[in-house]
Structure formats: structure tokens, C-alpha cells
Amino acid sequence: MPNEETTRLTVTLSRETDLALRAFLGAQGTRKGDLSKFIEDAVRWRMFDQAVQGVKTHNADLDVDDLLAAIDEACASVRRAMWPTASKASQSGCA
């Protein structure tokens, strides 16, 4: 019975890639569903990589020090929002 949280796709691979993938998964003790999990993980990593490359391209012309300062400020802002008592303690000299 199909899970309502999943979508069935038809995937076409070269014969060489199919055999290499199945050999790889087989060497790791493949169980039912591992091929689908592998493909989903690969798709997520590819989308993440594309997003990272886009951010790198977008920020390529920024000064490194300015970029690091912006990252530090964003991290500090998130820390203040998520752990307000911890940031108050660090401001009062308690670490």
C-alpha cells in the first residue's frame, strides 16, 4: 500500500550507472527501499549543493571581512533569539 507521504517516480539511468549503483548498495547489505532512500538523499544533496553554489556566486564580489562580519552578526542574532538568557549572562560577564 503506497504511503500518502511519498511519490512514485520513474527514473531512467544508463545501464552502467544502474549496475554500479546496485553493486554499491549490494556491498552495503541493501534492503528493500534502500534504492529509493539513496536516490532521495542524492537529490537532496544535489539541491543543497546547487543552493550553496548560488550563494557563493551571489557573494563572490563581497569583501571577505565584510562577509564574515555579516555571518557573525547573523549568528549572534539567532543566538540572542533562541537563547535570550544565555546572551544576557554573557553580556554581564558570566560565560
PDB file of N, CA and C in Angstrom:
ATOM      1  N   MET A   1       0.842  -1.177   0.000  1.00  0.00           N
ATOM      2  CA  MET A   1       0.000   0.000   0.000  1.00  0.00           C
ATOM      3  C   MET A   1       0.894   1.250   0.000  1.00  0.00           C
ATOM      4  N   PRO A   2       0.707   2.139  -0.963  1.00  0.00           N
ATOM      5  CA  PRO A   2       1.538   3.346  -1.042  1.00  0.00           C
ATOM      6  C   PRO A   2       1.300   4.273   0.155  1.00  0.00           C
ATOM      7  N   ASN A   3       2.355   4.903   0.561  1.00  0.00           N
ATOM      8  CA  ASN A   3       2.299   5.878   1.643  1.00  0.00           C
ATOM      9  C   ASN A   3       1.865   7.214   1.050  1.00  0.00           C
ATOM     10  N   GLU A   4       0.943   7.905   1.705  1.00  0.00           N
ATOM     11  CA  GLU A   4       0.470   9.193   1.199  1.00  0.00           C
ATOM     12  C   GLU A   4       1.551  10.265   1.246  1.00  0.00           C
ATOM     13  N   GLU A   5       2.635  10.021   1.971  1.00  0.00           N
ATOM     14  CA  GLU A   5       3.725  10.984   2.100  1.00  0.00           C
ATOM     15  C   GLU A   5       4.786  10.806   1.015  1.00  0.00           C
ATOM     16  N   THR A   6       4.632   9.827   0.145  1.00  0.00           N
ATOM     17  CA  THR A   6       5.631   9.569  -0.888  1.00  0.00           C
ATOM     18  C   THR A   6       5.024   9.745  -2.272  1.00  0.00           C
ATOM     19  N   THR A   7       5.912   9.900  -3.247  1.00  0.00           N
ATOM     20  CA  THR A   7       5.516   9.993  -4.653  1.00  0.00           C
ATOM     21  C   THR A   7       6.305   8.968  -5.435  1.00  0.00           C
ATOM     22  N   ARG A   8       5.646   8.275  -6.313  1.00  0.00           N
ATOM     23  CA  ARG A   8       6.308   7.280  -7.144  1.00  0.00           C
ATOM     24  C   ARG A   8       6.814   7.955  -8.412  1.00  0.00           C
ATOM     25  N   LEU A   9       8.092   7.730  -8.733  1.00  0.00           N
ATOM     26  CA  LEU A   9       8.712   8.291  -9.927  1.00  0.00           C
ATOM     27  C   LEU A   9       9.257   7.180 -10.806  1.00  0.00           C
ATOM     28  N   THR A  10       9.398   7.479 -12.075  1.00  0.00           N
ATOM     29  CA  THR A  10      10.106   6.598 -12.985  1.00  0.00           C
ATOM     30  C   THR A  10      11.462   7.243 -13.233  1.00  0.00           C
ATOM     31  N   VAL A  11      12.517   6.498 -12.954  1.00  0.00           N
ATOM     32  CA  VAL A  11      13.870   7.021 -13.095  1.00  0.00           C
ATOM     33  C   VAL A  11      14.578   6.225 -14.183  1.00  0.00           C
ATOM     34  N   THR A  12      15.232   6.932 -15.076  1.00  0.00           N
ATOM     35  CA  THR A  12      15.976   6.286 -16.141  1.00  0.00           C
ATOM     36  C   THR A  12      17.461   6.540 -15.918  1.00  0.00           C
ATOM     37  N   LEU A  13      18.233   5.459 -15.859  1.00  0.00           N
ATOM     38  CA  LEU A  13      19.683   5.528 -15.689  1.00  0.00           C
ATOM     39  C   LEU A  13      20.353   4.768 -16.810  1.00  0.00           C
ATOM     40  N   SER A  14      21.613   5.112 -17.058  1.00  0.00           N
ATOM     41  CA  SER A  14      22.368   4.298 -18.007  1.00  0.00           C
ATOM     42  C   SER A  14      22.574   2.921 -17.378  1.00  0.00           C
ATOM     43  N   ARG A  15      22.765   1.921 -18.195  1.00  0.00           N
ATOM     44  CA  ARG A  15      22.986   0.552 -17.689  1.00  0.00           C
ATOM     45  C   ARG A  15      24.215   0.531 -16.783  1.00  0.00           C
ATOM     46  N   GLU A  16      25.259   1.247 -17.175  1.00  0.00           N
ATOM     47  CA  GLU A  16      26.498   1.285 -16.393  1.00  0.00           C
ATOM     48  C   GLU A  16      26.254   1.864 -14.995  1.00  0.00           C
ATOM     49  N   THR A  17      25.512   2.969 -14.925  1.00  0.00           N
ATOM     50  CA  THR A  17      25.215   3.593 -13.638  1.00  0.00           C
ATOM     51  C   THR A  17      24.326   2.692 -12.788  1.00  0.00           C
ATOM     52  N   ASP A  18      23.334   2.065 -13.409  1.00  0.00           N
ATOM     53  CA  ASP A  18      22.448   1.151 -12.691  1.00  0.00           C
ATOM     54  C   ASP A  18      23.237   0.009 -12.058  1.00  0.00           C
ATOM     55  N   LEU A  19      24.107  -0.608 -12.830  1.00  0.00           N
ATOM     56  CA  LEU A  19      24.898  -1.725 -12.300  1.00  0.00           C
ATOM     57  C   LEU A  19      25.852  -1.270 -11.208  1.00  0.00           C
ATOM     58  N   ALA A  20      26.476  -0.113 -11.399  1.00  0.00           N
ATOM     59  CA  ALA A  20      27.405   0.398 -10.390  1.00  0.00           C
ATOM     60  C   ALA A  20      26.664   0.730  -9.097  1.00  0.00           C
ATOM     61  N   LEU A  21      25.499   1.354  -9.219  1.00  0.00           N
ATOM     62  CA  LEU A  21      24.715   1.705  -8.045  1.00  0.00           C
ATOM     63  C   LEU A  21      24.253   0.458  -7.306  1.00  0.00           C
ATOM     64  N   ARG A  22      23.734  -0.513  -8.034  1.00  0.00           N
ATOM     65  CA  ARG A  22      23.252  -1.741  -7.380  1.00  0.00           C
ATOM     66  C   ARG A  22      24.406  -2.520  -6.743  1.00  0.00           C
ATOM     67  N   ALA A  23      25.569  -2.511  -7.374  1.00  0.00           N
ATOM     68  CA  ALA A  23      26.731  -3.164  -6.777  1.00  0.00           C
ATOM     69  C   ALA A  23      27.154  -2.432  -5.502  1.00  0.00           C
ATOM     70  N   PHE A  24      27.146  -1.107  -5.556  1.00  0.00           N
ATOM     71  CA  PHE A  24      27.499  -0.300  -4.390  1.00  0.00           C
ATOM     72  C   PHE A  24      26.547  -0.586  -3.226  1.00  0.00           C
ATOM     73  N   LEU A  25      25.243  -0.528  -3.508  1.00  0.00           N
ATOM     74  CA  LEU A  25      24.258  -0.778  -2.454  1.00  0.00           C
ATOM     75  C   LEU A  25      24.312  -2.225  -1.972  1.00  0.00           C
ATOM     76  N   GLY A  26      24.547  -3.148  -2.901  1.00  0.00           N
ATOM     77  CA  GLY A  26      24.649  -4.559  -2.530  1.00  0.00           C
ATOM     78  C   GLY A  26      25.814  -4.820  -1.592  1.00  0.00           C
ATOM     79  N   ALA A  27      26.919  -4.130  -1.819  1.00  0.00           N
ATOM     80  CA  ALA A  27      28.098  -4.296  -0.963  1.00  0.00           C
ATOM     81  C   ALA A  27      27.827  -3.781   0.451  1.00  0.00           C
ATOM     82  N   GLN A  28      26.810  -2.936   0.589  1.00  0.00           N
ATOM     83  CA  GLN A  28      26.467  -2.401   1.905  1.00  0.00           C
ATOM     84  C   GLN A  28      25.302  -3.142   2.547  1.00  0.00           C
ATOM     85  N   GLY A  29      24.916  -4.271   1.968  1.00  0.00           N
ATOM     86  CA  GLY A  29      23.816  -5.055   2.535  1.00  0.00           C
ATOM     87  C   GLY A  29      22.458  -4.441   2.271  1.00  0.00           C
ATOM     88  N   THR A  30      22.187  -4.138   1.014  1.00  0.00           N
ATOM     89  CA  THR A  30      20.946  -3.480   0.610  1.00  0.00           C
ATOM     90  C   THR A  30      19.715  -4.209   1.129  1.00  0.00           C
ATOM     91  N   ARG A  31      18.781  -3.393   1.605  1.00  0.00           N
ATOM     92  CA  ARG A  31      17.473  -3.921   1.991  1.00  0.00           C
ATOM     93  C   ARG A  31      16.427  -3.230   1.122  1.00  0.00           C
ATOM     94  N   LYS A  32      15.214  -3.753   1.153  1.00  0.00           N
ATOM     95  CA  LYS A  32      14.130  -3.169   0.377  1.00  0.00           C
ATOM     96  C   LYS A  32      13.961  -1.696   0.748  1.00  0.00           C
ATOM     97  N   GLY A  33      13.868  -0.840  -0.238  1.00  0.00           N
ATOM     98  CA  GLY A  33      13.691   0.583  -0.007  1.00  0.00           C
ATOM     99  C   GLY A  33      14.983   1.364  -0.004  1.00  0.00           C
ATOM    100  N   ASP A  34      16.139   0.690   0.035  1.00  0.00           N
ATOM    101  CA  ASP A  34      17.413   1.407   0.085  1.00  0.00           C
ATOM    102  C   ASP A  34      17.687   2.194  -1.188  1.00  0.00           C
ATOM    103  N   LEU A  35      17.268   1.676  -2.331  1.00  0.00           N
ATOM    104  CA  LEU A  35      17.481   2.393  -3.587  1.00  0.00           C
ATOM    105  C   LEU A  35      16.716   3.718  -3.564  1.00  0.00           C
ATOM    106  N   SER A  36      15.472   3.675  -3.121  1.00  0.00           N
ATOM    107  CA  SER A  36      14.678   4.908  -3.034  1.00  0.00           C
ATOM    108  C   SER A  36      15.297   5.885  -2.053  1.00  0.00           C
ATOM    109  N   LYS A  37      15.748   5.398  -0.908  1.00  0.00           N
ATOM    110  CA  LYS A  37      16.384   6.270   0.089  1.00  0.00           C
ATOM    111  C   LYS A  37      17.657   6.881  -0.478  1.00  0.00           C
ATOM    112  N   PHE A  38      18.439   6.086  -1.213  1.00  0.00           N
ATOM    113  CA  PHE A  38      19.675   6.581  -1.805  1.00  0.00           C
ATOM    114  C   PHE A  38      19.386   7.687  -2.806  1.00  0.00           C
ATOM    115  N   ILE A  39      18.392   7.475  -3.662  1.00  0.00           N
ATOM    116  CA  ILE A  39      18.039   8.474  -4.671  1.00  0.00           C
ATOM    117  C   ILE A  39      17.520   9.740  -4.000  1.00  0.00           C
ATOM    118  N   GLU A  40      16.681   9.607  -2.977  1.00  0.00           N
ATOM    119  CA  GLU A  40      16.172  10.796  -2.293  1.00  0.00           C
ATOM    120  C   GLU A  40      17.310  11.575  -1.644  1.00  0.00           C
ATOM    121  N   ASP A  41      18.232  10.871  -1.003  1.00  0.00           N
ATOM    122  CA  ASP A  41      19.384  11.526  -0.384  1.00  0.00           C
ATOM    123  C   ASP A  41      20.235  12.233  -1.438  1.00  0.00           C
ATOM    124  N   ALA A  42      20.457  11.575  -2.581  1.00  0.00           N
ATOM    125  CA  ALA A  42      21.249  12.178  -3.654  1.00  0.00           C
ATOM    126  C   ALA A  42      20.573  13.437  -4.194  1.00  0.00           C
ATOM    127  N   VAL A  43      19.266  13.407  -4.337  1.00  0.00           N
ATOM    128  CA  VAL A  43      18.529  14.579  -4.832  1.00  0.00           C
ATOM    129  C   VAL A  43      18.640  15.723  -3.830  1.00  0.00           C
ATOM    130  N   ARG A  44      18.474  15.416  -2.539  1.00  0.00           N
ATOM    131  CA  ARG A  44      18.579  16.465  -1.518  1.00  0.00           C
ATOM    132  C   ARG A  44      19.977  17.083  -1.505  1.00  0.00           C
ATOM    133  N   TRP A  45      21.019  16.232  -1.571  1.00  0.00           N
ATOM    134  CA  TRP A  45      22.390  16.754  -1.592  1.00  0.00           C
ATOM    135  C   TRP A  45      22.634  17.609  -2.826  1.00  0.00           C
ATOM    136  N   ARG A  46      22.101  17.202  -3.966  1.00  0.00           N
ATOM    137  CA  ARG A  46      22.290  17.966  -5.200  1.00  0.00           C
ATOM    138  C   ARG A  46      21.602  19.329  -5.105  1.00  0.00           C
ATOM    139  N   MET A  47      20.388  19.344  -4.555  1.00  0.00           N
ATOM    140  CA  MET A  47      19.682  20.616  -4.394  1.00  0.00           C
ATOM    141  C   MET A  47      20.428  21.516  -3.411  1.00  0.00           C
ATOM    142  N   PHE A  48      20.942  20.949  -2.333  1.00  0.00           N
ATOM    143  CA  PHE A  48      21.727  21.718  -1.365  1.00  0.00           C
ATOM    144  C   PHE A  48      22.980  22.273  -2.030  1.00  0.00           C
ATOM    145  N   ASP A  49      23.680  21.448  -2.803  1.00  0.00           N
ATOM    146  CA  ASP A  49      24.890  21.884  -3.489  1.00  0.00           C
ATOM    147  C   ASP A  49      24.586  23.022  -4.462  1.00  0.00           C
ATOM    148  N   GLN A  50      23.487  22.908  -5.184  1.00  0.00           N
ATOM    149  CA  GLN A  50      23.102  23.972  -6.112  1.00  0.00           C
ATOM    150  C   GLN A  50      22.825  25.272  -5.356  1.00  0.00           C
ATOM    151  N   ALA A  51      22.161  25.184  -4.204  1.00  0.00           N
ATOM    152  CA  ALA A  51      21.881  26.375  -3.401  1.00  0.00           C
ATOM    153  C   ALA A  51      23.184  26.996  -2.897  1.00  0.00           C
ATOM    154  N   VAL A  52      24.109  26.165  -2.429  1.00  0.00           N
ATOM    155  CA  VAL A  52      25.397  26.664  -1.943  1.00  0.00           C
ATOM    156  C   VAL A  52      26.155  27.350  -3.076  1.00  0.00           C
ATOM    157  N   GLN A  53      26.183  26.741  -4.247  1.00  0.00           N
ATOM    158  CA  GLN A  53      26.880  27.337  -5.384  1.00  0.00           C
ATOM    159  C   GLN A  53      26.250  28.673  -5.765  1.00  0.00           C
ATOM    160  N   GLY A  54      24.922  28.756  -5.683  1.00  0.00           N
ATOM    161  CA  GLY A  54      24.242  30.011  -5.973  1.00  0.00           C
ATOM    162  C   GLY A  54      24.621  31.102  -4.984  1.00  0.00           C
ATOM    163  N   VAL A  55      24.694  30.758  -3.704  1.00  0.00           N
ATOM    164  CA  VAL A  55      25.088  31.729  -2.684  1.00  0.00           C
ATOM    165  C   VAL A  55      26.528  32.164  -2.910  1.00  0.00           C
ATOM    166  N   LYS A  56      27.409  31.211  -3.220  1.00  0.00           N
ATOM    167  CA  LYS A  56      28.810  31.554  -3.484  1.00  0.00           C
ATOM    168  C   LYS A  56      28.924  32.503  -4.670  1.00  0.00           C
ATOM    169  N   THR A  57      28.189  32.224  -5.718  1.00  0.00           N
ATOM    170  CA  THR A  57      28.218  33.081  -6.909  1.00  0.00           C
ATOM    171  C   THR A  57      27.686  34.476  -6.570  1.00  0.00           C
ATOM    172  N   HIS A  58      26.595  34.510  -5.829  1.00  0.00           N
ATOM    173  CA  HIS A  58      25.975  35.790  -5.455  1.00  0.00           C
ATOM    174  C   HIS A  58      26.910  36.640  -4.596  1.00  0.00           C
ATOM    175  N   ASN A  59      27.710  35.998  -3.751  1.00  0.00           N
ATOM    176  CA  ASN A  59      28.576  36.721  -2.821  1.00  0.00           C
ATOM    177  C   ASN A  59      30.033  36.793  -3.269  1.00  0.00           C
ATOM    178  N   ALA A  60      30.320  36.381  -4.476  1.00  0.00           N
ATOM    179  CA  ALA A  60      31.712  36.312  -4.951  1.00  0.00           C
ATOM    180  C   ALA A  60      32.411  37.659  -4.943  1.00  0.00           C
ATOM    181  N   ASP A  61      31.656  38.734  -5.135  1.00  0.00           N
ATOM    182  CA  ASP A  61      32.288  40.053  -5.217  1.00  0.00           C
ATOM    183  C   ASP A  61      32.366  40.775  -3.865  1.00  0.00           C
ATOM    184  N   LEU A  62      31.903  40.133  -2.802  1.00  0.00           N
ATOM    185  CA  LEU A  62      31.945  40.759  -1.478  1.00  0.00           C
ATOM    186  C   LEU A  62      33.327  40.623  -0.850  1.00  0.00           C
ATOM    187  N   ASP A  63      33.692  41.602  -0.055  1.00  0.00           N
ATOM    188  CA  ASP A  63      34.933  41.552   0.704  1.00  0.00           C
ATOM    189  C   ASP A  63      34.801  40.458   1.768  1.00  0.00           C
ATOM    190  N   VAL A  64      35.828  39.653   1.930  1.00  0.00           N
ATOM    191  CA  VAL A  64      35.793  38.522   2.859  1.00  0.00           C
ATOM    192  C   VAL A  64      35.507  38.993   4.285  1.00  0.00           C
ATOM    193  N   ASP A  65      36.155  40.059   4.715  1.00  0.00           N
ATOM    194  CA  ASP A  65      35.936  40.563   6.079  1.00  0.00           C
ATOM    195  C   ASP A  65      34.496  41.037   6.278  1.00  0.00           C
ATOM    196  N   ASP A  66      33.930  41.698   5.273  1.00  0.00           N
ATOM    197  CA  ASP A  66      32.536  42.144   5.363  1.00  0.00           C
ATOM    198  C   ASP A  66      31.590  40.945   5.431  1.00  0.00           C
ATOM    199  N   LEU A  67      31.877  39.927   4.633  1.00  0.00           N
ATOM    200  CA  LEU A  67      31.042  38.731   4.626  1.00  0.00           C
ATOM    201  C   LEU A  67      31.118  38.012   5.971  1.00  0.00           C
ATOM    202  N   LEU A  68      32.323  37.871   6.516  1.00  0.00           N
ATOM    203  CA  LEU A  68      32.479  37.223   7.816  1.00  0.00           C
ATOM    204  C   LEU A  68      31.790  38.019   8.916  1.00  0.00           C
ATOM    205  N   ALA A  69      31.853  39.329   8.857  1.00  0.00           N
ATOM    206  CA  ALA A  69      31.175  40.175   9.843  1.00  0.00           C
ATOM    207  C   ALA A  69      29.658  39.988   9.755  1.00  0.00           C
ATOM    208  N   ALA A  70      29.135  39.904   8.546  1.00  0.00           N
ATOM    209  CA  ALA A  70      27.694  39.690   8.363  1.00  0.00           C
ATOM    210  C   ALA A  70      27.275  38.323   8.895  1.00  0.00           C
ATOM    211  N   ILE A  71      28.094  37.306   8.657  1.00  0.00           N
ATOM    212  CA  ILE A  71      27.804  35.961   9.163  1.00  0.00           C
ATOM    213  C   ILE A  71      27.834  35.964  10.696  1.00  0.00           C
ATOM    214  N   ASP A  72      28.854  36.596  11.277  1.00  0.00           N
ATOM    215  CA  ASP A  72      28.953  36.673  12.735  1.00  0.00           C
ATOM    216  C   ASP A  72      27.733  37.368  13.342  1.00  0.00           C
ATOM    217  N   GLU A  73      27.299  38.465  12.730  1.00  0.00           N
ATOM    218  CA  GLU A  73      26.138  39.188  13.235  1.00  0.00           C
ATOM    219  C   GLU A  73      24.866  38.353  13.117  1.00  0.00           C
ATOM    220  N   ALA A  74      24.716  37.641  12.006  1.00  0.00           N
ATOM    221  CA  ALA A  74      23.538  36.785  11.837  1.00  0.00           C
ATOM    222  C   ALA A  74      23.524  35.675  12.883  1.00  0.00           C
ATOM    223  N   CYS A  75      24.680  35.064  13.134  1.00  0.00           N
ATOM    224  CA  CYS A  75      24.770  34.013  14.156  1.00  0.00           C
ATOM    225  C   CYS A  75      24.451  34.569  15.537  1.00  0.00           C
ATOM    226  N   ALA A  76      24.982  35.735  15.845  1.00  0.00           N
ATOM    227  CA  ALA A  76      24.725  36.357  17.148  1.00  0.00           C
ATOM    228  C   ALA A  76      23.243  36.681  17.301  1.00  0.00           C
ATOM    229  N   SER A  77      22.617  37.148  16.248  1.00  0.00           N
ATOM    230  CA  SER A  77      21.194  37.471  16.284  1.00  0.00           C
ATOM    231  C   SER A  77      20.356  36.223  16.550  1.00  0.00           C
ATOM    232  N   VAL A  78      20.688  35.141  15.877  1.00  0.00           N
ATOM    233  CA  VAL A  78      19.962  33.884  16.085  1.00  0.00           C
ATOM    234  C   VAL A  78      20.177  33.381  17.508  1.00  0.00           C
ATOM    235  N   ARG A  79      21.410  33.462  17.993  1.00  0.00           N
ATOM    236  CA  ARG A  79      21.680  33.024  19.370  1.00  0.00           C
ATOM    237  C   ARG A  79      20.872  33.849  20.376  1.00  0.00           C
ATOM    238  N   ARG A  80      20.806  35.160  20.161  1.00  0.00           N
ATOM    239  CA  ARG A  80      20.026  36.014  21.063  1.00  0.00           C
ATOM    240  C   ARG A  80      18.549  35.642  21.031  1.00  0.00           C
ATOM    241  N   ALA A  81      18.053  35.328  19.859  1.00  0.00           N
ATOM    242  CA  ALA A  81      16.638  34.979  19.725  1.00  0.00           C
ATOM    243  C   ALA A  81      16.329  33.601  20.322  1.00  0.00           C
ATOM    244  N   MET A  82      17.245  32.660  20.141  1.00  0.00           N
ATOM    245  CA  MET A  82      16.981  31.296  20.606  1.00  0.00           C
ATOM    246  C   MET A  82      17.322  31.094  22.078  1.00  0.00           C
ATOM    247  N   TRP A  83      18.328  31.778  22.560  1.00  0.00           N
ATOM    248  CA  TRP A  83      18.777  31.616  23.941  1.00  0.00           C
ATOM    249  C   TRP A  83      18.934  32.989  24.595  1.00  0.00           C
ATOM    250  N   PRO A  84      17.830  33.674  24.832  1.00  0.00           N
ATOM    251  CA  PRO A  84      17.923  35.048  25.349  1.00  0.00           C
ATOM    252  C   PRO A  84      18.599  35.130  26.716  1.00  0.00           C
ATOM    253  N   THR A  85      18.412  34.145  27.586  1.00  0.00           N
ATOM    254  CA  THR A  85      19.040  34.222  28.910  1.00  0.00           C
ATOM    255  C   THR A  85      20.536  34.003  28.822  1.00  0.00           C
ATOM    256  N   ALA A  86      20.982  33.186  27.876  1.00  0.00           N
ATOM    257  CA  ALA A  86      22.421  32.945  27.712  1.00  0.00           C
ATOM    258  C   ALA A  86      23.127  34.208  27.230  1.00  0.00           C
ATOM    259  N   SER A  87      22.481  34.954  26.318  1.00  0.00           N
ATOM    260  CA  SER A  87      23.127  36.175  25.823  1.00  0.00           C
ATOM    261  C   SER A  87      23.168  37.239  26.908  1.00  0.00           C
ATOM    262  N   LYS A  88      22.161  37.280  27.792  1.00  0.00           N
ATOM    263  CA  LYS A  88      22.171  38.233  28.900  1.00  0.00           C
ATOM    264  C   LYS A  88      23.293  37.890  29.880  1.00  0.00           C
ATOM    265  N   ALA A  89      23.480  36.583  30.111  1.00  0.00           N
ATOM    266  CA  ALA A  89      24.540  36.156  31.035  1.00  0.00           C
ATOM    267  C   ALA A  89      25.908  36.503  30.477  1.00  0.00           C
ATOM    268  N   SER A  90      26.095  36.333  29.152  1.00  0.00           N
ATOM    269  CA  SER A  90      27.401  36.650  28.570  1.00  0.00           C
ATOM    270  C   SER A  90      27.652  38.147  28.545  1.00  0.00           C
ATOM    271  N   GLN A  91      26.590  38.946  28.462  1.00  0.00           N
ATOM    272  CA  GLN A  91      26.748  40.394  28.475  1.00  0.00           C
ATOM    273  C   GLN A  91      27.126  40.894  29.865  1.00  0.00           C
ATOM    274  N   SER A  92      26.707  40.168  30.903  1.00  0.00           N
ATOM    275  CA  SER A  92      27.013  40.610  32.261  1.00  0.00           C
ATOM    276  C   SER A  92      28.348  40.068  32.756  1.00  0.00           C
ATOM    277  N   GLY A  93      29.094  39.420  31.870  1.00  0.00           N
ATOM    278  CA  GLY A  93      30.406  38.924  32.244  1.00  0.00           C
ATOM    279  C   GLY A  93      30.405  37.480  32.659  1.00  0.00           C
ATOM    280  N   CYS A  94      29.246  36.823  32.698  1.00  0.00           N
ATOM    281  CA  CYS A  94      29.176  35.403  33.027  1.00  0.00           C
ATOM    282  C   CYS A  94      29.236  34.606  31.731  1.00  0.00           C
ATOM    283  N   ALA A  95      30.167  33.692  31.633  1.00  0.00           N
ATOM    284  CA  ALA A  95      30.255  32.894  30.424  1.00  0.00           C
ATOM    285  C   ALA A  95      30.016  31.523  30.817  1.00  0.00           C
TER     286      ALA A  95
END
